[in-house]
């Protein structure tokens, strides 16, 4: 008996192996070879498909009948993509500040879109309410062991491509899911000595605030221009990683981040 497309989608990963390319321009600035892991070429445009894809496949195997996800964009797009592949309906709850482009992308994936609250934390409360319905499962954008487990695939690909450990890994932190997954991945491949530079914008720096305080800190609000990307409280697992891995927390101003993006696009 042949399996259905939905059955096949439960077994094959949704993410792709992405290119690792050396950047001549960034290498010149840094004075050492700098490589870029091009997660922008994932089917959903971001690394989020790694963790969320793994999560969605697992809950689908266990009988999930409807996915719901709170997201400022990339996580929701990944959840909607997975739902379509799995043949499961999806509801994505977004902050009211989300761009129309993202809303249309989600609708194009077949998802129902709801707008709730000014920031992600408020949209997440609505998603948690919806997930109480029978057969519905909440897809956490960053705070779940299956999400972190899915993100470890990125480090395995780095190990396969580089062979030897890099001098450091640089990544951005929103809620801390990627950081947790990369930290676990480094331990898995025996690279736990590799330092991680974890970068946030000021006003969305819940991880840095937690590191400085030695405990979880809830920001009063997200004041960075990256409102859809920030979480007022980072995942507890991300803070725990600082006790297991060498993690350097860095905070940049919005202007610095925007300038860097413009420079990067011009390279």
C-alpha atoms as a PDB file:
ATOM      1  CA  UNK A   1       0.000   0.000   0.000  1.00  0.00           C
ATOM      2  CA  UNK A   2       1.471   3.341  -1.044  1.00  0.00           C
ATOM      3  CA  UNK A   3       1.884   6.054   1.564  1.00  0.00           C
ATOM      4  CA  UNK A   4       0.103   9.379   1.169  1.00  0.00           C
ATOM      5  CA  UNK A   5       1.992  12.688   0.743  1.00  0.00           C
ATOM      6  CA  UNK A   6       1.049  13.538   4.329  1.00  0.00           C
ATOM      7  CA  UNK A   7       2.537  10.256   5.603  1.00  0.00           C
ATOM      8  CA  UNK A   8       5.718  10.926   3.629  1.00  0.00           C
ATOM      9  CA  UNK A   9       5.896  14.432   5.124  1.00  0.00           C
ATOM     10  CA  UNK A  10       5.984  12.958   8.604  1.00  0.00           C
ATOM     11  CA  UNK A  11       9.279  11.179   7.907  1.00  0.00           C
ATOM     12  CA  UNK A  12      11.351  13.371   5.583  1.00  0.00           C
ATOM     13  CA  UNK A  13      12.834  16.569   7.115  1.00  0.00           C
ATOM     14  CA  UNK A  14      11.277  19.803   5.896  1.00  0.00           C
ATOM     15  CA  UNK A  15      14.563  21.720   6.042  1.00  0.00           C
ATOM     16  CA  UNK A  16      17.312  21.527   3.442  1.00  0.00           C
ATOM     17  CA  UNK A  17      21.088  21.386   3.842  1.00  0.00           C
ATOM     18  CA  UNK A  18      22.093  25.007   3.269  1.00  0.00           C
ATOM     19  CA  UNK A  19      25.313  26.355   1.713  1.00  0.00           C
ATOM     20  CA  UNK A  20      28.249  27.431   3.869  1.00  0.00           C
ATOM     21  CA  UNK A  21      29.959  30.192   1.903  1.00  0.00           C
ATOM     22  CA  UNK A  22      33.082  32.188   2.708  1.00  0.00           C
ATOM     23  CA  UNK A  23      32.485  35.925   2.587  1.00  0.00           C
ATOM     24  CA  UNK A  24      35.477  37.709   1.102  1.00  0.00           C
ATOM     25  CA  UNK A  25      34.252  41.132   2.239  1.00  0.00           C
ATOM     26  CA  UNK A  26      33.534  40.106   5.851  1.00  0.00           C
ATOM     27  CA  UNK A  27      36.779  38.154   5.997  1.00  0.00           C
ATOM     28  CA  UNK A  28      38.665  41.312   4.983  1.00  0.00           C
ATOM     29  CA  UNK A  29      36.977  43.298   7.760  1.00  0.00           C
ATOM     30  CA  UNK A  30      37.519  40.625  10.432  1.00  0.00           C
ATOM     31  CA  UNK A  31      41.036  39.670   9.365  1.00  0.00           C
ATOM     32  CA  UNK A  32      40.129  35.974   9.497  1.00  0.00           C
ATOM     33  CA  UNK A  33      38.014  33.752   7.233  1.00  0.00           C
ATOM     34  CA  UNK A  34      34.312  34.364   7.862  1.00  0.00           C
ATOM     35  CA  UNK A  35      31.738  31.860   6.638  1.00  0.00           C
ATOM     36  CA  UNK A  36      28.020  32.447   6.212  1.00  0.00           C
ATOM     37  CA  UNK A  37      25.497  29.659   6.801  1.00  0.00           C
ATOM     38  CA  UNK A  38      22.875  30.669   4.251  1.00  0.00           C
ATOM     39  CA  UNK A  39      19.652  29.818   6.058  1.00  0.00           C
ATOM     40  CA  UNK A  40      17.813  32.340   3.885  1.00  0.00           C
ATOM     41  CA  UNK A  41      17.580  29.658   1.182  1.00  0.00           C
ATOM     42  CA  UNK A  42      15.438  27.376   3.350  1.00  0.00           C
ATOM     43  CA  UNK A  43      11.958  26.709   1.869  1.00  0.00           C
ATOM     44  CA  UNK A  44      10.483  29.163   4.382  1.00  0.00           C
ATOM     45  CA  UNK A  45      13.334  31.684   4.227  1.00  0.00           C
ATOM     46  CA  UNK A  46      14.803  31.136   7.690  1.00  0.00           C
ATOM     47  CA  UNK A  47      16.396  28.632  10.064  1.00  0.00           C
ATOM     48  CA  UNK A  48      13.075  28.305  11.924  1.00  0.00           C
ATOM     49  CA  UNK A  49      12.001  25.440   9.668  1.00  0.00           C
ATOM     50  CA  UNK A  50      14.599  23.210  11.322  1.00  0.00           C
ATOM     51  CA  UNK A  51      13.131  23.266  14.822  1.00  0.00           C
ATOM     52  CA  UNK A  52       9.498  23.882  13.933  1.00  0.00           C
ATOM     53  CA  UNK A  53       9.583  21.287  11.184  1.00  0.00           C
ATOM     54  CA  UNK A  54      10.848  18.673  13.634  1.00  0.00           C
ATOM     55  CA  UNK A  55       8.234  19.687  16.229  1.00  0.00           C
ATOM     56  CA  UNK A  56       5.326  19.593  13.766  1.00  0.00           C
ATOM     57  CA  UNK A  57       6.304  16.200  12.395  1.00  0.00           C
ATOM     58  CA  UNK A  58       6.435  14.733  15.896  1.00  0.00           C
ATOM     59  CA  UNK A  59       3.043  16.092  17.019  1.00  0.00           C
ATOM     60  CA  UNK A  60       1.475  15.006  13.710  1.00  0.00           C
ATOM     61  CA  UNK A  61       2.609  11.436  14.424  1.00  0.00           C
ATOM     62  CA  UNK A  62       0.807  11.715  17.758  1.00  0.00           C
ATOM     63  CA  UNK A  63      -2.539  12.730  16.280  1.00  0.00           C
ATOM     64  CA  UNK A  64      -2.494  16.524  16.123  1.00  0.00           C
ATOM     65  CA  UNK A  65      -5.458  17.799  14.080  1.00  0.00           C
ATOM     66  CA  UNK A  66      -4.781  21.562  14.053  1.00  0.00           C
ATOM     67  CA  UNK A  67      -1.605  23.611  14.526  1.00  0.00           C
ATOM     68  CA  UNK A  68      -1.592  27.039  16.139  1.00  0.00           C
ATOM     69  CA  UNK A  69       1.468  29.269  16.376  1.00  0.00           C
ATOM     70  CA  UNK A  70       2.163  32.749  17.697  1.00  0.00           C
ATOM     71  CA  UNK A  71       4.779  34.468  15.593  1.00  0.00           C
ATOM     72  CA  UNK A  72       6.057  37.767  14.349  1.00  0.00           C
ATOM     73  CA  UNK A  73       6.814  36.169  11.024  1.00  0.00           C
ATOM     74  CA  UNK A  74       9.400  33.439  10.432  1.00  0.00           C
ATOM     75  CA  UNK A  75       8.121  30.921  12.990  1.00  0.00           C
ATOM     76  CA  UNK A  76       4.559  31.346  11.777  1.00  0.00           C
ATOM     77  CA  UNK A  77       5.592  30.947   8.146  1.00  0.00           C
ATOM     78  CA  UNK A  78       7.428  27.739   9.045  1.00  0.00           C
ATOM     79  CA  UNK A  79       4.442  26.390  10.997  1.00  0.00           C
ATOM     80  CA  UNK A  80       2.056  27.217   8.134  1.00  0.00           C
ATOM     81  CA  UNK A  81       4.386  25.556   5.616  1.00  0.00           C
ATOM     82  CA  UNK A  82       4.629  22.415   7.747  1.00  0.00           C
ATOM     83  CA  UNK A  83       0.857  22.306   8.228  1.00  0.00           C
ATOM     84  CA  UNK A  84       0.313  22.447   4.478  1.00  0.00           C
ATOM     85  CA  UNK A  85       2.829  19.668   3.882  1.00  0.00           C
ATOM     86  CA  UNK A  86       1.246  17.548   6.610  1.00  0.00           C
ATOM     87  CA  UNK A  87      -2.310  18.202   5.467  1.00  0.00           C
ATOM     88  CA  UNK A  88      -3.252  19.798   8.799  1.00  0.00           C
ATOM     89  CA  UNK A  89      -5.026  23.184   9.176  1.00  0.00           C
ATOM     90  CA  UNK A  90      -3.113  25.974  10.890  1.00  0.00           C
ATOM     91  CA  UNK A  91      -3.976  29.181  12.705  1.00  0.00           C
ATOM     92  CA  UNK A  92      -1.184  31.758  13.063  1.00  0.00           C
ATOM     93  CA  UNK A  93      -1.541  34.501  15.672  1.00  0.00           C
ATOM     94  CA  UNK A  94       0.491  37.628  14.925  1.00  0.00           C
ATOM     95  CA  UNK A  95       1.164  40.903  16.712  1.00  0.00           C
ATOM     96  CA  UNK A  96      -0.856  43.760  15.249  1.00  0.00           C
ATOM     97  CA  UNK A  97       2.367  45.383  13.999  1.00  0.00           C
ATOM     98  CA  UNK A  98       3.087  42.519  11.571  1.00  0.00           C
ATOM     99  CA  UNK A  99       3.544  43.591   7.961  1.00  0.00           C
ATOM    100  CA  UNK A 100       0.867  42.903   5.359  1.00  0.00           C
ATOM    101  CA  UNK A 101       3.489  41.047   3.329  1.00  0.00           C
ATOM    102  CA  UNK A 102       3.854  38.435   6.093  1.00  0.00           C
ATOM    103  CA  UNK A 103       0.073  38.121   6.486  1.00  0.00           C
ATOM    104  CA  UNK A 104      -0.301  37.474   2.764  1.00  0.00           C
ATOM    105  CA  UNK A 105       2.524  34.935   2.799  1.00  0.00           C
ATOM    106  CA  UNK A 106       0.809  33.023   5.601  1.00  0.00           C
ATOM    107  CA  UNK A 107      -2.529  33.118   3.839  1.00  0.00           C
ATOM    108  CA  UNK A 108      -0.773  31.875   0.727  1.00  0.00           C
ATOM    109  CA  UNK A 109       0.308  28.816   2.719  1.00  0.00           C
ATOM    110  CA  UNK A 110      -3.363  28.216   3.519  1.00  0.00           C
ATOM    111  CA  UNK A 111      -3.252  29.349   7.149  1.00  0.00           C
ATOM    112  CA  UNK A 112      -5.875  31.310   9.039  1.00  0.00           C
ATOM    113  CA  UNK A 113      -4.340  34.528  10.396  1.00  0.00           C
ATOM    114  CA  UNK A 114      -5.384  36.288  13.602  1.00  0.00           C
ATOM    115  CA  UNK A 115      -3.912  39.559  14.914  1.00  0.00           C
ATOM    116  CA  UNK A 116      -3.638  39.996  18.678  1.00  0.00           C
ATOM    117  CA  UNK A 117      -1.628  42.377  20.864  1.00  0.00           C
ATOM    118  CA  UNK A 118       1.188  44.793  20.236  1.00  0.00           C
ATOM    119  CA  UNK A 119       4.094  42.365  20.764  1.00  0.00           C
ATOM    120  CA  UNK A 120       4.737  38.636  20.466  1.00  0.00           C
ATOM    121  CA  UNK A 121       4.104  37.906  24.148  1.00  0.00           C
ATOM    122  CA  UNK A 122       0.518  39.145  23.817  1.00  0.00           C
ATOM    123  CA  UNK A 123      -0.083  37.183  20.619  1.00  0.00           C
ATOM    124  CA  UNK A 124       1.266  34.116  22.398  1.00  0.00           C
ATOM    125  CA  UNK A 125      -1.420  34.366  25.088  1.00  0.00           C
ATOM    126  CA  UNK A 126      -4.090  34.164  22.388  1.00  0.00           C
ATOM    127  CA  UNK A 127      -2.356  31.161  20.795  1.00  0.00           C
ATOM    128  CA  UNK A 128      -2.270  29.368  24.142  1.00  0.00           C
ATOM    129  CA  UNK A 129      -6.011  29.902  24.534  1.00  0.00           C
ATOM    130  CA  UNK A 130      -6.705  28.475  21.072  1.00  0.00           C
ATOM    131  CA  UNK A 131      -4.501  25.468  21.798  1.00  0.00           C
ATOM    132  CA  UNK A 132      -6.905  24.385  24.567  1.00  0.00           C
ATOM    133  CA  UNK A 133      -9.318  23.203  21.877  1.00  0.00           C
ATOM    134  CA  UNK A 134      -9.518  19.464  21.306  1.00  0.00           C
ATOM    135  CA  UNK A 135      -6.893  18.230  18.847  1.00  0.00           C
ATOM    136  CA  UNK A 136      -5.148  21.611  18.595  1.00  0.00           C
ATOM    137  CA  UNK A 137      -1.437  21.864  19.386  1.00  0.00           C
ATOM    138  CA  UNK A 138       0.456  25.062  20.121  1.00  0.00           C
ATOM    139  CA  UNK A 139       3.705  25.348  18.160  1.00  0.00           C
ATOM    140  CA  UNK A 140       6.165  27.232  20.394  1.00  0.00           C
ATOM    141  CA  UNK A 141       8.389  29.515  18.287  1.00  0.00           C
ATOM    142  CA  UNK A 142      11.468  28.832  20.413  1.00  0.00           C
ATOM    143  CA  UNK A 143      10.806  27.315  23.851  1.00  0.00           C
ATOM    144  CA  UNK A 144      10.528  23.522  23.533  1.00  0.00           C
ATOM    145  CA  UNK A 145      13.031  20.619  23.546  1.00  0.00           C
ATOM    146  CA  UNK A 146      11.844  19.424  20.107  1.00  0.00           C
ATOM    147  CA  UNK A 147      12.544  22.892  18.686  1.00  0.00           C
ATOM    148  CA  UNK A 148      16.073  22.859  20.082  1.00  0.00           C
ATOM    149  CA  UNK A 149      16.591  19.289  18.879  1.00  0.00           C
ATOM    150  CA  UNK A 150      15.624  20.321  15.359  1.00  0.00           C
ATOM    151  CA  UNK A 151      18.079  23.201  15.374  1.00  0.00           C
ATOM    152  CA  UNK A 152      21.000  20.907  16.216  1.00  0.00           C
ATOM    153  CA  UNK A 153      20.952  19.817  12.560  1.00  0.00           C
ATOM    154  CA  UNK A 154      22.598  23.122  11.693  1.00  0.00           C
ATOM    155  CA  UNK A 155      25.694  22.241  13.723  1.00  0.00           C
ATOM    156  CA  UNK A 156      25.920  18.773  12.210  1.00  0.00           C
ATOM    157  CA  UNK A 157      26.011  20.400   8.785  1.00  0.00           C
ATOM    158  CA  UNK A 158      28.776  22.759   9.946  1.00  0.00           C
ATOM    159  CA  UNK A 159      30.792  19.776  11.188  1.00  0.00           C
ATOM    160  CA  UNK A 160      30.359  17.995   7.855  1.00  0.00           C
ATOM    161  CA  UNK A 161      31.396  21.090   5.881  1.00  0.00           C
ATOM    162  CA  UNK A 162      34.284  22.372   8.013  1.00  0.00           C
ATOM    163  CA  UNK A 163      35.698  19.225   9.556  1.00  0.00           C
ATOM    164  CA  UNK A 164      37.553  21.185  12.227  1.00  0.00           C
ATOM    165  CA  UNK A 165      35.906  23.497  14.801  1.00  0.00           C
ATOM    166  CA  UNK A 166      35.614  27.211  13.951  1.00  0.00           C
ATOM    167  CA  UNK A 167      37.019  29.943  16.162  1.00  0.00           C
ATOM    168  CA  UNK A 168      33.518  31.092  17.104  1.00  0.00           C
ATOM    169  CA  UNK A 169      29.892  31.034  16.015  1.00  0.00           C
ATOM    170  CA  UNK A 170      27.866  34.244  15.778  1.00  0.00           C
ATOM    171  CA  UNK A 171      24.083  34.175  15.957  1.00  0.00           C
ATOM    172  CA  UNK A 172      21.149  36.422  16.813  1.00  0.00           C
ATOM    173  CA  UNK A 173      18.927  35.864  19.829  1.00  0.00           C
ATOM    174  CA  UNK A 174      15.199  36.525  19.988  1.00  0.00           C
ATOM    175  CA  UNK A 175      13.604  34.004  22.325  1.00  0.00           C
ATOM    176  CA  UNK A 176      16.693  31.812  22.532  1.00  0.00           C
ATOM    177  CA  UNK A 177      15.623  28.696  20.607  1.00  0.00           C
ATOM    178  CA  UNK A 178      18.442  28.844  18.068  1.00  0.00           C
ATOM    179  CA  UNK A 179      20.971  29.482  20.820  1.00  0.00           C
ATOM    180  CA  UNK A 180      19.718  26.469  22.790  1.00  0.00           C
ATOM    181  CA  UNK A 181      19.816  24.249  19.710  1.00  0.00           C
ATOM    182  CA  UNK A 182      23.262  25.360  18.578  1.00  0.00           C
ATOM    183  CA  UNK A 183      24.653  24.935  22.092  1.00  0.00           C
ATOM    184  CA  UNK A 184      23.283  21.376  22.221  1.00  0.00           C
ATOM    185  CA  UNK A 185      24.578  20.703  18.722  1.00  0.00           C
ATOM    186  CA  UNK A 186      28.096  21.776  19.657  1.00  0.00           C
ATOM    187  CA  UNK A 187      28.087  19.306  22.540  1.00  0.00           C
ATOM    188  CA  UNK A 188      26.718  16.579  20.244  1.00  0.00           C
ATOM    189  CA  UNK A 189      29.557  16.933  17.715  1.00  0.00           C
ATOM    190  CA  UNK A 190      32.275  17.405  20.355  1.00  0.00           C
ATOM    191  CA  UNK A 191      32.745  21.129  19.722  1.00  0.00           C
ATOM    192  CA  UNK A 192      31.606  22.347  23.143  1.00  0.00           C
ATOM    193  CA  UNK A 193      34.760  24.463  23.428  1.00  0.00           C
ATOM    194  CA  UNK A 194      33.643  26.707  20.522  1.00  0.00           C
ATOM    195  CA  UNK A 195      32.412  30.067  21.868  1.00  0.00           C
ATOM    196  CA  UNK A 196      29.053  31.464  20.767  1.00  0.00           C
ATOM    197  CA  UNK A 197      28.597  35.198  20.264  1.00  0.00           C
ATOM    198  CA  UNK A 198      24.907  35.869  20.967  1.00  0.00           C
ATOM    199  CA  UNK A 199      23.725  39.222  19.604  1.00  0.00           C
ATOM    200  CA  UNK A 200      20.578  41.241  20.364  1.00  0.00           C
ATOM    201  CA  UNK A 201      19.346  44.758  19.702  1.00  0.00           C
ATOM    202  CA  UNK A 202      18.880  47.061  22.673  1.00  0.00           C
ATOM    203  CA  UNK A 203      15.253  47.167  23.651  1.00  0.00           C
ATOM    204  CA  UNK A 204      14.823  43.487  22.784  1.00  0.00           C
ATOM    205  CA  UNK A 205      17.756  42.293  24.903  1.00  0.00           C
ATOM    206  CA  UNK A 206      16.007  39.869  27.273  1.00  0.00           C
ATOM    207  CA  UNK A 207      18.872  37.356  27.049  1.00  0.00           C
ATOM    208  CA  UNK A 208      21.522  39.932  27.892  1.00  0.00           C
ATOM    209  CA  UNK A 209      19.404  41.219  30.781  1.00  0.00           C
ATOM    210  CA  UNK A 210      19.098  37.663  32.103  1.00  0.00           C
ATOM    211  CA  UNK A 211      22.842  37.050  31.770  1.00  0.00           C
ATOM    212  CA  UNK A 212      23.635  40.276  33.634  1.00  0.00           C
ATOM    213  CA  UNK A 213      21.132  39.496  36.402  1.00  0.00           C
ATOM    214  CA  UNK A 214      21.908  35.789  36.635  1.00  0.00           C
ATOM    215  CA  UNK A 215      18.185  35.004  36.364  1.00  0.00           C
ATOM    216  CA  UNK A 216      15.343  35.406  33.892  1.00  0.00           C
ATOM    217  CA  UNK A 217      14.311  39.024  33.388  1.00  0.00           C
ATOM    218  CA  UNK A 218      11.102  40.220  31.764  1.00  0.00           C
ATOM    219  CA  UNK A 219      11.543  43.457  29.845  1.00  0.00           C
ATOM    220  CA  UNK A 220       8.737  45.978  30.456  1.00  0.00           C
ATOM    221  CA  UNK A 221       8.269  46.271  26.693  1.00  0.00           C
ATOM    222  CA  UNK A 222      10.033  45.741  23.368  1.00  0.00           C
ATOM    223  CA  UNK A 223      11.373  49.154  22.409  1.00  0.00           C
ATOM    224  CA  UNK A 224      13.710  48.013  19.620  1.00  0.00           C
ATOM    225  CA  UNK A 225      12.525  48.514  16.052  1.00  0.00           C
ATOM    226  CA  UNK A 226      12.691  44.696  15.826  1.00  0.00           C
ATOM    227  CA  UNK A 227       9.364  44.407  17.669  1.00  0.00           C
ATOM    228  CA  UNK A 228       8.237  41.265  15.884  1.00  0.00           C
ATOM    229  CA  UNK A 229      11.535  39.521  16.579  1.00  0.00           C
ATOM    230  CA  UNK A 230      11.888  40.144  20.298  1.00  0.00           C
ATOM    231  CA  UNK A 231      10.544  38.258  23.321  1.00  0.00           C
ATOM    232  CA  UNK A 232      10.193  40.101  26.609  1.00  0.00           C
ATOM    233  CA  UNK A 233      11.488  37.006  28.428  1.00  0.00           C
ATOM    234  CA  UNK A 234      14.073  34.670  26.936  1.00  0.00           C
ATOM    235  CA  UNK A 235      13.690  30.888  27.209  1.00  0.00           C
ATOM    236  CA  UNK A 236      15.023  29.515  30.505  1.00  0.00           C
ATOM    237  CA  UNK A 237      17.010  26.959  28.520  1.00  0.00           C
ATOM    238  CA  UNK A 238      18.961  29.743  26.786  1.00  0.00           C
ATOM    239  CA  UNK A 239      20.116  31.102  30.134  1.00  0.00           C
ATOM    240  CA  UNK A 240      20.996  27.590  31.309  1.00  0.00           C
ATOM    241  CA  UNK A 241      23.255  27.230  28.268  1.00  0.00           C
ATOM    242  CA  UNK A 242      25.537  29.932  29.675  1.00  0.00           C
ATOM    243  CA  UNK A 243      26.499  27.502  32.434  1.00  0.00           C
ATOM    244  CA  UNK A 244      27.348  24.760  29.944  1.00  0.00           C
ATOM    245  CA  UNK A 245      28.915  26.620  27.011  1.00  0.00           C
ATOM    246  CA  UNK A 246      31.073  29.695  26.490  1.00  0.00           C
ATOM    247  CA  UNK A 247      28.534  32.305  25.402  1.00  0.00           C
ATOM    248  CA  UNK A 248      29.379  35.969  24.881  1.00  0.00           C
ATOM    249  CA  UNK A 249      26.303  38.194  25.060  1.00  0.00           C
ATOM    250  CA  UNK A 250      26.491  41.328  22.905  1.00  0.00           C
ATOM    251  CA  UNK A 251      23.939  44.129  22.524  1.00  0.00           C
ATOM    252  CA  UNK A 252      23.917  46.530  19.572  1.00  0.00           C
ATOM    253  CA  UNK A 253      21.861  49.636  18.966  1.00  0.00           C
ATOM    254  CA  UNK A 254      19.098  49.622  16.366  1.00  0.00           C
ATOM    255  CA  UNK A 255      21.088  52.027  14.222  1.00  0.00           C
ATOM    256  CA  UNK A 256      24.095  49.720  14.255  1.00  0.00           C
ATOM    257  CA  UNK A 257      21.948  46.762  13.220  1.00  0.00           C
ATOM    258  CA  UNK A 258      20.294  48.677  10.389  1.00  0.00           C
ATOM    259  CA  UNK A 259      23.644  50.049   9.180  1.00  0.00           C
ATOM    260  CA  UNK A 260      25.115  46.540   9.243  1.00  0.00           C
ATOM    261  CA  UNK A 261      22.209  45.198   7.190  1.00  0.00           C
ATOM    262  CA  UNK A 262      22.629  47.946   4.621  1.00  0.00           C
ATOM    263  CA  UNK A 263      26.369  47.314   4.418  1.00  0.00           C
ATOM    264  CA  UNK A 264      25.776  43.598   4.099  1.00  0.00           C
ATOM    265  CA  UNK A 265      23.317  44.080   1.253  1.00  0.00           C
ATOM    266  CA  UNK A 266      25.887  46.229  -0.495  1.00  0.00           C
ATOM    267  CA  UNK A 267      28.689  43.682  -0.240  1.00  0.00           C
END
